[in-house]
């Protein structure tokens, strides 16, 4: 794959993602669905010069996440991420997700 120019690290997505998630996604660890690389989301390559935001895997450059805001709607495509793992130990009890029974 050819190298893409003008990308930022995953921290550049923090503002947009904080509009959707109550927890900091940039600190989450995720697995690329294409190559299997496991990295913090903050390590992803973020492209913001399109109509939305695109996150690419730092190892293979495949798309991990797409986020587009259209009027009062936010479209989020995360099929390039197998999972995101969050450290919730620092959250207050009221902000922690409920345990599955």
PDB file of N, CA and C in Angstrom:
ATOM      1  N   UNK A   1       0.851  -1.175   0.000  1.00  0.00           N
ATOM      2  CA  UNK A   1       0.000   0.000   0.000  1.00  0.00           C
ATOM      3  C   UNK A   1       0.893   1.235   0.000  1.00  0.00           C
ATOM      4  N   UNK A   2       0.518   2.253  -0.724  1.00  0.00           N
ATOM      5  CA  UNK A   2       1.320   3.465  -0.776  1.00  0.00           C
ATOM      6  C   UNK A   2       1.127   4.284   0.490  1.00  0.00           C
ATOM      7  N   UNK A   3       2.162   5.031   0.846  1.00  0.00           N
ATOM      8  CA  UNK A   3       2.093   5.850   2.052  1.00  0.00           C
ATOM      9  C   UNK A   3       1.133   7.019   1.836  1.00  0.00           C
ATOM     10  N   UNK A   4       0.367   7.336   2.847  1.00  0.00           N
ATOM     11  CA  UNK A   4      -0.554   8.465   2.814  1.00  0.00           C
ATOM     12  C   UNK A   4       0.119   9.641   3.504  1.00  0.00           C
ATOM     13  N   UNK A   5      -0.075  10.819   2.994  1.00  0.00           N
ATOM     14  CA  UNK A   5       0.522  12.014   3.583  1.00  0.00           C
ATOM     15  C   UNK A   5      -0.494  12.741   4.450  1.00  0.00           C
ATOM     16  N   UNK A   6       0.002  13.645   5.268  1.00  0.00           N
ATOM     17  CA  UNK A   6      -0.845  14.552   6.045  1.00  0.00           C
ATOM     18  C   UNK A   6      -1.743  13.868   7.060  1.00  0.00           C
ATOM     19  N   UNK A   7      -1.236  12.910   7.788  1.00  0.00           N
ATOM     20  CA  UNK A   7      -2.039  12.303   8.836  1.00  0.00           C
ATOM     21  C   UNK A   7      -1.554  12.771  10.198  1.00  0.00           C
ATOM     22  N   UNK A   8      -2.443  12.663  11.191  1.00  0.00           N
ATOM     23  CA  UNK A   8      -2.145  12.983  12.579  1.00  0.00           C
ATOM     24  C   UNK A   8      -2.223  11.694  13.369  1.00  0.00           C
ATOM     25  N   UNK A   9      -1.831  11.714  14.636  1.00  0.00           N
ATOM     26  CA  UNK A   9      -1.993  10.498  15.433  1.00  0.00           C
ATOM     27  C   UNK A   9      -3.428  10.422  15.954  1.00  0.00           C
ATOM     28  N   UNK A  10      -3.758   9.303  16.578  1.00  0.00           N
ATOM     29  CA  UNK A  10      -5.122   9.041  17.029  1.00  0.00           C
ATOM     30  C   UNK A  10      -5.685  10.044  18.007  1.00  0.00           C
ATOM     31  N   UNK A  11      -4.829  10.782  18.685  1.00  0.00           N
ATOM     32  CA  UNK A  11      -5.308  11.797  19.627  1.00  0.00           C
ATOM     33  C   UNK A  11      -6.103  12.896  18.924  1.00  0.00           C
ATOM     34  N   UNK A  12      -5.878  13.078  17.641  1.00  0.00           N
ATOM     35  CA  UNK A  12      -6.606  14.098  16.887  1.00  0.00           C
ATOM     36  C   UNK A  12      -8.099  13.776  16.788  1.00  0.00           C
ATOM     37  N   UNK A  13      -8.457  12.530  16.997  1.00  0.00           N
ATOM     38  CA  UNK A  13      -9.861  12.112  16.934  1.00  0.00           C
ATOM     39  C   UNK A  13     -10.586  12.293  18.265  1.00  0.00           C
ATOM     40  N   UNK A  14      -9.871  12.654  19.308  1.00  0.00           N
ATOM     41  CA  UNK A  14     -10.450  12.725  20.659  1.00  0.00           C
ATOM     42  C   UNK A  14     -11.681  13.620  20.735  1.00  0.00           C
ATOM     43  N   UNK A  15     -11.637  14.779  20.146  1.00  0.00           N
ATOM     44  CA  UNK A  15     -12.765  15.710  20.217  1.00  0.00           C
ATOM     45  C   UNK A  15     -14.020  15.154  19.584  1.00  0.00           C
ATOM     46  N   UNK A  16     -13.899  14.645  18.365  1.00  0.00           N
ATOM     47  CA  UNK A  16     -15.060  14.088  17.674  1.00  0.00           C
ATOM     48  C   UNK A  16     -15.603  12.856  18.395  1.00  0.00           C
ATOM     49  N   UNK A  17     -14.718  11.979  18.847  1.00  0.00           N
ATOM     50  CA  UNK A  17     -15.171  10.761  19.516  1.00  0.00           C
ATOM     51  C   UNK A  17     -15.774  11.042  20.892  1.00  0.00           C
ATOM     52  N   UNK A  18     -15.347  12.123  21.543  1.00  0.00           N
ATOM     53  CA  UNK A  18     -15.905  12.454  22.858  1.00  0.00           C
ATOM     54  C   UNK A  18     -17.350  12.930  22.753  1.00  0.00           C
ATOM     55  N   UNK A  19     -17.784  13.287  21.561  1.00  0.00           N
ATOM     56  CA  UNK A  19     -19.185  13.660  21.350  1.00  0.00           C
ATOM     57  C   UNK A  19     -20.081  12.435  21.389  1.00  0.00           C
ATOM     58  N   UNK A  20     -19.494  11.239  21.190  1.00  0.00           N
ATOM     59  CA  UNK A  20     -20.256   9.996  21.143  1.00  0.00           C
ATOM     60  C   UNK A  20     -20.034   9.143  22.384  1.00  0.00           C
ATOM     61  N   UNK A  21     -18.777   9.030  22.826  1.00  0.00           N
ATOM     62  CA  UNK A  21     -18.406   8.138  23.917  1.00  0.00           C
ATOM     63  C   UNK A  21     -18.110   8.917  25.190  1.00  0.00           C
ATOM     64  N   UNK A  22     -18.517   8.370  26.333  1.00  0.00           N
ATOM     65  CA  UNK A  22     -18.260   9.006  27.625  1.00  0.00           C
ATOM     66  C   UNK A  22     -16.854   8.705  28.120  1.00  0.00           C
ATOM     67  N   UNK A  23     -16.179   7.753  27.506  1.00  0.00           N
ATOM     68  CA  UNK A  23     -14.836   7.356  27.907  1.00  0.00           C
ATOM     69  C   UNK A  23     -13.867   7.745  26.784  1.00  0.00           C
ATOM     70  N   UNK A  24     -12.617   7.997  27.133  1.00  0.00           N
ATOM     71  CA  UNK A  24     -11.602   8.408  26.163  1.00  0.00           C
ATOM     72  C   UNK A  24     -11.214   7.224  25.266  1.00  0.00           C
ATOM     73  N   UNK A  25     -11.669   7.249  24.037  1.00  0.00           N
ATOM     74  CA  UNK A  25     -11.397   6.164  23.096  1.00  0.00           C
ATOM     75  C   UNK A  25      -9.922   6.130  22.700  1.00  0.00           C
ATOM     76  N   UNK A  26      -9.253   7.263  22.713  1.00  0.00           N
ATOM     77  CA  UNK A  26      -7.848   7.289  22.289  1.00  0.00           C
ATOM     78  C   UNK A  26      -6.953   6.475  23.211  1.00  0.00           C
ATOM     79  N   UNK A  27      -7.376   6.256  24.454  1.00  0.00           N
ATOM     80  CA  UNK A  27      -6.574   5.452  25.377  1.00  0.00           C
ATOM     81  C   UNK A  27      -6.902   3.962  25.287  1.00  0.00           C
ATOM     82  N   UNK A  28      -7.939   3.621  24.525  1.00  0.00           N
ATOM     83  CA  UNK A  28      -8.340   2.215  24.382  1.00  0.00           C
ATOM     84  C   UNK A  28      -7.351   1.465  23.497  1.00  0.00           C
ATOM     85  N   UNK A  29      -7.233   0.180  23.761  1.00  0.00           N
ATOM     86  CA  UNK A  29      -6.409  -0.688  22.933  1.00  0.00           C
ATOM     87  C   UNK A  29      -7.332  -1.415  21.969  1.00  0.00           C
ATOM     88  N   UNK A  30      -6.943  -1.475  20.709  1.00  0.00           N
ATOM     89  CA  UNK A  30      -7.784  -2.129  19.722  1.00  0.00           C
ATOM     90  C   UNK A  30      -6.991  -3.035  18.812  1.00  0.00           C
ATOM     91  N   UNK A  31      -7.725  -3.916  18.122  1.00  0.00           N
ATOM     92  CA  UNK A  31      -7.107  -4.875  17.212  1.00  0.00           C
ATOM     93  C   UNK A  31      -7.590  -4.611  15.786  1.00  0.00           C
ATOM     94  N   UNK A  32      -6.650  -4.460  14.867  1.00  0.00           N
ATOM     95  CA  UNK A  32      -6.974  -4.244  13.460  1.00  0.00           C
ATOM     96  C   UNK A  32      -7.608  -5.510  12.902  1.00  0.00           C
ATOM     97  N   UNK A  33      -8.764  -5.366  12.270  1.00  0.00           N
ATOM     98  CA  UNK A  33      -9.469  -6.509  11.694  1.00  0.00           C
ATOM     99  C   UNK A  33      -8.746  -7.061  10.467  1.00  0.00           C
ATOM    100  N   UNK A  34      -7.853  -6.288   9.875  1.00  0.00           N
ATOM    101  CA  UNK A  34      -7.153  -6.746   8.677  1.00  0.00           C
ATOM    102  C   UNK A  34      -5.865  -7.490   8.995  1.00  0.00           C
ATOM    103  N   UNK A  35      -4.967  -6.879   9.786  1.00  0.00           N
ATOM    104  CA  UNK A  35      -3.645  -7.485  10.016  1.00  0.00           C
ATOM    105  C   UNK A  35      -3.464  -8.062  11.415  1.00  0.00           C
ATOM    106  N   UNK A  36      -4.392  -7.758  12.331  1.00  0.00           N
ATOM    107  CA  UNK A  36      -4.313  -8.306  13.679  1.00  0.00           C
ATOM    108  C   UNK A  36      -3.426  -7.533  14.639  1.00  0.00           C
ATOM    109  N   UNK A  37      -2.856  -6.415  14.193  1.00  0.00           N
ATOM    110  CA  UNK A  37      -2.019  -5.601  15.069  1.00  0.00           C
ATOM    111  C   UNK A  37      -2.851  -5.051  16.220  1.00  0.00           C
ATOM    112  N   UNK A  38      -2.313  -5.128  17.427  1.00  0.00           N
ATOM    113  CA  UNK A  38      -2.976  -4.593  18.618  1.00  0.00           C
ATOM    114  C   UNK A  38      -2.198  -3.366  19.083  1.00  0.00           C
ATOM    115  N   UNK A  39      -2.866  -2.223  19.075  1.00  0.00           N
ATOM    116  CA  UNK A  39      -2.252  -0.945  19.457  1.00  0.00           C
ATOM    117  C   UNK A  39      -3.286  -0.083  20.167  1.00  0.00           C
ATOM    118  N   UNK A  40      -2.790   0.952  20.844  1.00  0.00           N
ATOM    119  CA  UNK A  40      -3.696   1.972  21.389  1.00  0.00           C
ATOM    120  C   UNK A  40      -4.294   2.748  20.218  1.00  0.00           C
ATOM    121  N   UNK A  41      -5.537   3.180  20.357  1.00  0.00           N
ATOM    122  CA  UNK A  41      -6.160   3.948  19.275  1.00  0.00           C
ATOM    123  C   UNK A  41      -5.373   5.231  19.014  1.00  0.00           C
ATOM    124  N   UNK A  42      -4.728   5.768  20.028  1.00  0.00           N
ATOM    125  CA  UNK A  42      -3.931   6.984  19.864  1.00  0.00           C
ATOM    126  C   UNK A  42      -2.794   6.795  18.867  1.00  0.00           C
ATOM    127  N   UNK A  43      -2.393   5.558  18.609  1.00  0.00           N
ATOM    128  CA  UNK A  43      -1.326   5.283  17.646  1.00  0.00           C
ATOM    129  C   UNK A  43      -1.815   5.260  16.202  1.00  0.00           C
ATOM    130  N   UNK A  44      -3.118   5.243  15.983  1.00  0.00           N
ATOM    131  CA  UNK A  44      -3.672   5.187  14.629  1.00  0.00           C
ATOM    132  C   UNK A  44      -3.308   6.445  13.846  1.00  0.00           C
ATOM    133  N   UNK A  45      -3.332   6.311  12.520  1.00  0.00           N
ATOM    134  CA  UNK A  45      -3.124   7.459  11.637  1.00  0.00           C
ATOM    135  C   UNK A  45      -4.494   8.072  11.351  1.00  0.00           C
ATOM    136  N   UNK A  46      -4.645   9.356  11.691  1.00  0.00           N
ATOM    137  CA  UNK A  46      -5.933  10.034  11.542  1.00  0.00           C
ATOM    138  C   UNK A  46      -5.867  11.023  10.383  1.00  0.00           C
ATOM    139  N   UNK A  47      -6.824  10.906   9.491  1.00  0.00           N
ATOM    140  CA  UNK A  47      -6.933  11.815   8.349  1.00  0.00           C
ATOM    141  C   UNK A  47      -8.199  12.634   8.533  1.00  0.00           C
ATOM    142  N   UNK A  48      -8.033  13.962   8.523  1.00  0.00           N
ATOM    143  CA  UNK A  48      -9.171  14.840   8.783  1.00  0.00           C
ATOM    144  C   UNK A  48      -9.475  15.758   7.602  1.00  0.00           C
ATOM    145  N   UNK A  49      -8.852  15.504   6.447  1.00  0.00           N
ATOM    146  CA  UNK A  49      -9.038  16.379   5.294  1.00  0.00           C
ATOM    147  C   UNK A  49     -10.118  15.878   4.339  1.00  0.00           C
ATOM    148  N   UNK A  50     -10.898  14.925   4.776  1.00  0.00           N
ATOM    149  CA  UNK A  50     -12.023  14.408   3.989  1.00  0.00           C
ATOM    150  C   UNK A  50     -13.309  14.999   4.567  1.00  0.00           C
ATOM    151  N   UNK A  51     -14.462  14.613   4.035  1.00  0.00           N
ATOM    152  CA  UNK A  51     -15.710  15.092   4.620  1.00  0.00           C
ATOM    153  C   UNK A  51     -15.886  14.676   6.073  1.00  0.00           C
ATOM    154  N   UNK A  52     -15.144  13.713   6.521  1.00  0.00           N
ATOM    155  CA  UNK A  52     -15.206  13.261   7.907  1.00  0.00           C
ATOM    156  C   UNK A  52     -13.820  12.935   8.405  1.00  0.00           C
ATOM    157  N   UNK A  53     -13.765  12.016   9.333  1.00  0.00           N
ATOM    158  CA  UNK A  53     -12.515  11.597   9.949  1.00  0.00           C
ATOM    159  C   UNK A  53     -12.285  10.126   9.594  1.00  0.00           C
ATOM    160  N   UNK A  54     -11.062   9.789   9.212  1.00  0.00           N
ATOM    161  CA  UNK A  54     -10.711   8.411   8.886  1.00  0.00           C
ATOM    162  C   UNK A  54      -9.511   8.015   9.731  1.00  0.00           C
ATOM    163  N   UNK A  55      -9.602   6.868  10.413  1.00  0.00           N
ATOM    164  CA  UNK A  55      -8.481   6.321  11.188  1.00  0.00           C
ATOM    165  C   UNK A  55      -7.958   5.092  10.464  1.00  0.00           C
ATOM    166  N   UNK A  56      -6.635   5.039  10.273  1.00  0.00           N
ATOM    167  CA  UNK A  56      -5.998   3.905   9.605  1.00  0.00           C
ATOM    168  C   UNK A  56      -5.031   3.219  10.550  1.00  0.00           C
ATOM    169  N   UNK A  57      -4.855   1.926  10.364  1.00  0.00           N
ATOM    170  CA  UNK A  57      -3.925   1.125  11.146  1.00  0.00           C
ATOM    171  C   UNK A  57      -2.500   1.621  10.893  1.00  0.00           C
ATOM    172  N   UNK A  58      -1.735   1.791  11.944  1.00  0.00           N
ATOM    173  CA  UNK A  58      -0.359   2.257  11.828  1.00  0.00           C
ATOM    174  C   UNK A  58       0.533   1.192  11.182  1.00  0.00           C
ATOM    175  N   UNK A  59       0.144  -0.071  11.251  1.00  0.00           N
ATOM    176  CA  UNK A  59       0.961  -1.161  10.697  1.00  0.00           C
ATOM    177  C   UNK A  59       0.662  -1.424   9.220  1.00  0.00           C
ATOM    178  N   UNK A  60      -0.622  -1.573   8.870  1.00  0.00           N
ATOM    179  CA  UNK A  60      -0.973  -1.968   7.494  1.00  0.00           C
ATOM    180  C   UNK A  60      -1.706  -0.878   6.716  1.00  0.00           C
ATOM    181  N   UNK A  61      -2.094   0.205   7.365  1.00  0.00           N
ATOM    182  CA  UNK A  61      -2.774   1.359   6.774  1.00  0.00           C
ATOM    183  C   UNK A  61      -4.206   1.085   6.305  1.00  0.00           C
ATOM    184  N   UNK A  62      -4.780  -0.044   6.684  1.00  0.00           N
ATOM    185  CA  UNK A  62      -6.183  -0.272   6.359  1.00  0.00           C
ATOM    186  C   UNK A  62      -7.070   0.572   7.271  1.00  0.00           C
ATOM    187  N   UNK A  63      -8.280   0.875   6.813  1.00  0.00           N
ATOM    188  CA  UNK A  63      -9.199   1.734   7.560  1.00  0.00           C
ATOM    189  C   UNK A  63      -9.705   1.000   8.797  1.00  0.00           C
ATOM    190  N   UNK A  64      -9.559   1.648   9.959  1.00  0.00           N
ATOM    191  CA  UNK A  64     -10.085   1.141  11.225  1.00  0.00           C
ATOM    192  C   UNK A  64     -11.460   1.715  11.511  1.00  0.00           C
ATOM    193  N   UNK A  65     -11.609   3.017  11.277  1.00  0.00           N
ATOM    194  CA  UNK A  65     -12.800   3.747  11.711  1.00  0.00           C
ATOM    195  C   UNK A  65     -13.062   4.894  10.753  1.00  0.00           C
ATOM    196  N   UNK A  66     -14.342   5.154  10.507  1.00  0.00           N
ATOM    197  CA  UNK A  66     -14.771   6.334   9.744  1.00  0.00           C
ATOM    198  C   UNK A  66     -15.837   7.035  10.577  1.00  0.00           C
ATOM    199  N   UNK A  67     -15.759   8.357  10.649  1.00  0.00           N
ATOM    200  CA  UNK A  67     -16.754   9.137  11.386  1.00  0.00           C
ATOM    201  C   UNK A  67     -17.120  10.352  10.545  1.00  0.00           C
ATOM    202  N   UNK A  68     -18.421  10.510  10.293  1.00  0.00           N
ATOM    203  CA  UNK A  68     -18.913  11.635   9.495  1.00  0.00           C
ATOM    204  C   UNK A  68     -20.105  12.244  10.210  1.00  0.00           C
ATOM    205  N   UNK A  69     -20.129  13.569  10.298  1.00  0.00           N
ATOM    206  CA  UNK A  69     -21.269  14.301  10.845  1.00  0.00           C
ATOM    207  C   UNK A  69     -22.055  14.907   9.688  1.00  0.00           C
ATOM    208  N   UNK A  70     -23.345  14.563   9.607  1.00  0.00           N
ATOM    209  CA  UNK A  70     -24.227  15.098   8.566  1.00  0.00           C
ATOM    210  C   UNK A  70     -25.460  15.652   9.256  1.00  0.00           C
ATOM    211  N   UNK A  71     -25.592  16.969   9.232  1.00  0.00           N
ATOM    212  CA  UNK A  71     -26.676  17.654   9.922  1.00  0.00           C
ATOM    213  C   UNK A  71     -26.748  17.193  11.384  1.00  0.00           C
ATOM    214  N   UNK A  72     -27.849  16.641  11.843  1.00  0.00           N
ATOM    215  CA  UNK A  72     -27.978  16.199  13.224  1.00  0.00           C
ATOM    216  C   UNK A  72     -27.661  14.720  13.394  1.00  0.00           C
ATOM    217  N   UNK A  73     -26.942  14.124  12.468  1.00  0.00           N
ATOM    218  CA  UNK A  73     -26.612  12.707  12.527  1.00  0.00           C
ATOM    219  C   UNK A  73     -25.112  12.511  12.520  1.00  0.00           C
ATOM    220  N   UNK A  74     -24.661  11.514  13.260  1.00  0.00           N
ATOM    221  CA  UNK A  74     -23.263  11.099  13.234  1.00  0.00           C
ATOM    222  C   UNK A  74     -23.223   9.660  12.751  1.00  0.00           C
ATOM    223  N   UNK A  75     -22.442   9.416  11.720  1.00  0.00           N
ATOM    224  CA  UNK A  75     -22.288   8.075  11.165  1.00  0.00           C
ATOM    225  C   UNK A  75     -20.922   7.549  11.602  1.00  0.00           C
ATOM    226  N   UNK A  76     -20.905   6.387  12.223  1.00  0.00           N
ATOM    227  CA  UNK A  76     -19.678   5.791  12.740  1.00  0.00           C
ATOM    228  C   UNK A  76     -19.540   4.378  12.187  1.00  0.00           C
ATOM    229  N   UNK A  77     -18.470   4.128  11.459  1.00  0.00           N
ATOM    230  CA  UNK A  77     -18.179   2.814  10.887  1.00  0.00           C
ATOM    231  C   UNK A  77     -16.906   2.305  11.556  1.00  0.00           C
ATOM    232  N   UNK A  78     -17.000   1.217  12.316  1.00  0.00           N
ATOM    233  CA  UNK A  78     -15.848   0.664  13.035  1.00  0.00           C
ATOM    234  C   UNK A  78     -15.551  -0.776  12.620  1.00  0.00           C
ATOM    235  N   UNK A  79     -15.965  -1.162  11.415  1.00  0.00           N
ATOM    236  CA  UNK A  79     -15.768  -2.562  11.015  1.00  0.00           C
ATOM    237  C   UNK A  79     -14.307  -2.929  10.797  1.00  0.00           C
ATOM    238  N   UNK A  80     -13.402  -1.954  10.790  1.00  0.00           N
ATOM    239  CA  UNK A  80     -11.977  -2.233  10.665  1.00  0.00           C
ATOM    240  C   UNK A  80     -11.304  -2.550  11.986  1.00  0.00           C
ATOM    241  N   UNK A  81     -12.078  -2.492  13.082  1.00  0.00           N
ATOM    242  CA  UNK A  81     -11.553  -2.783  14.418  1.00  0.00           C
ATOM    243  C   UNK A  81     -12.260  -4.031  14.949  1.00  0.00           C
ATOM    244  N   UNK A  82     -11.486  -5.057  15.290  1.00  0.00           N
ATOM    245  CA  UNK A  82     -12.065  -6.279  15.840  1.00  0.00           C
ATOM    246  C   UNK A  82     -12.641  -6.009  17.220  1.00  0.00           C
ATOM    247  N   UNK A  83     -11.915  -5.249  18.044  1.00  0.00           N
ATOM    248  CA  UNK A  83     -12.404  -4.871  19.369  1.00  0.00           C
ATOM    249  C   UNK A  83     -11.665  -3.631  19.856  1.00  0.00           C
ATOM    250  N   UNK A  84     -12.246  -2.954  20.835  1.00  0.00           N
ATOM    251  CA  UNK A  84     -11.595  -1.891  21.601  1.00  0.00           C
ATOM    252  C   UNK A  84     -11.675  -2.301  23.060  1.00  0.00           C
ATOM    253  N   UNK A  85     -10.559  -2.230  23.759  1.00  0.00           N
ATOM    254  CA  UNK A  85     -10.485  -2.616  25.166  1.00  0.00           C
ATOM    255  C   UNK A  85     -10.189  -1.371  25.997  1.00  0.00           C
ATOM    256  N   UNK A  86     -11.071  -1.068  26.959  1.00  0.00           N
ATOM    257  CA  UNK A  86     -10.958   0.133  27.778  1.00  0.00           C
ATOM    258  C   UNK A  86     -10.542  -0.212  29.201  1.00  0.00           C
ATOM    259  N   UNK A  87      -9.663   0.586  29.789  1.00  0.00           N
ATOM    260  CA  UNK A  87      -9.330   0.463  31.206  1.00  0.00           C
ATOM    261  C   UNK A  87     -10.331   1.323  31.970  1.00  0.00           C
ATOM    262  N   UNK A  88     -11.233   0.697  32.687  1.00  0.00           N
ATOM    263  CA  UNK A  88     -12.281   1.426  33.401  1.00  0.00           C
ATOM    264  C   UNK A  88     -11.974   1.583  34.884  1.00  0.00           C
ATOM    265  N   UNK A  89     -10.764   1.221  35.303  1.00  0.00           N
ATOM    266  CA  UNK A  89     -10.423   1.282  36.725  1.00  0.00           C
ATOM    267  C   UNK A  89     -10.460   2.696  37.293  1.00  0.00           C
ATOM    268  N   UNK A  90     -10.252   3.704  36.460  1.00  0.00           N
ATOM    269  CA  UNK A  90     -10.226   5.083  36.951  1.00  0.00           C
ATOM    270  C   UNK A  90     -11.598   5.756  36.916  1.00  0.00           C
ATOM    271  N   UNK A  91     -12.613   5.075  36.382  1.00  0.00           N
ATOM    272  CA  UNK A  91     -13.944   5.657  36.319  1.00  0.00           C
ATOM    273  C   UNK A  91     -14.628   5.615  37.678  1.00  0.00           C
ATOM    274  N   UNK A  92     -15.479   6.601  37.918  1.00  0.00           N
ATOM    275  CA  UNK A  92     -16.283   6.560  39.137  1.00  0.00           C
ATOM    276  C   UNK A  92     -17.302   5.434  39.005  1.00  0.00           C
ATOM    277  N   UNK A  93     -17.829   4.949  40.108  1.00  0.00           N
ATOM    278  CA  UNK A  93     -18.795   3.845  40.085  1.00  0.00           C
ATOM    279  C   UNK A  93     -20.016   4.156  39.234  1.00  0.00           C
ATOM    280  N   UNK A  94     -20.476   5.412  39.245  1.00  0.00           N
ATOM    281  CA  UNK A  94     -21.667   5.766  38.475  1.00  0.00           C
ATOM    282  C   UNK A  94     -21.380   5.821  36.977  1.00  0.00           C
ATOM    283  N   UNK A  95     -20.115   5.980  36.583  1.00  0.00           N
ATOM    284  CA  UNK A  95     -19.773   6.054  35.167  1.00  0.00           C
ATOM    285  C   UNK A  95     -19.360   4.713  34.589  1.00  0.00           C
ATOM    286  N   UNK A  96     -19.171   3.703  35.432  1.00  0.00           N
ATOM    287  CA  UNK A  96     -18.748   2.386  34.954  1.00  0.00           C
ATOM    288  C   UNK A  96     -19.913   1.671  34.281  1.00  0.00           C
ATOM    289  N   UNK A  97     -19.608   0.940  33.180  1.00  0.00           N
ATOM    290  CA  UNK A  97     -20.669   0.154  32.547  1.00  0.00           C
ATOM    291  C   UNK A  97     -21.122  -0.974  33.485  1.00  0.00           C
ATOM    292  N   UNK A  98     -22.385  -1.326  33.386  1.00  0.00           N
ATOM    293  CA  UNK A  98     -22.913  -2.421  34.213  1.00  0.00           C
ATOM    294  C   UNK A  98     -22.302  -3.746  33.791  1.00  0.00           C
ATOM    295  N   UNK A  99     -21.991  -4.609  34.742  1.00  0.00           N
ATOM    296  CA  UNK A  99     -21.467  -5.934  34.432  1.00  0.00           C
ATOM    297  C   UNK A  99     -22.571  -6.782  33.831  1.00  0.00           C
ATOM    298  N   UNK A 100     -22.189  -7.618  32.885  1.00  0.00           N
ATOM    299  CA  UNK A 100     -23.152  -8.534  32.274  1.00  0.00           C
ATOM    300  C   UNK A 100     -23.451  -9.657  33.255  1.00  0.00           C
ATOM    301  N   UNK A 101     -24.694 -10.057  33.306  1.00  0.00           N
ATOM    302  CA  UNK A 101     -25.081 -11.144  34.210  1.00  0.00           C
ATOM    303  C   UNK A 101     -24.910 -12.480  33.563  1.00  0.00           C
TER     304      UNK A 101
END
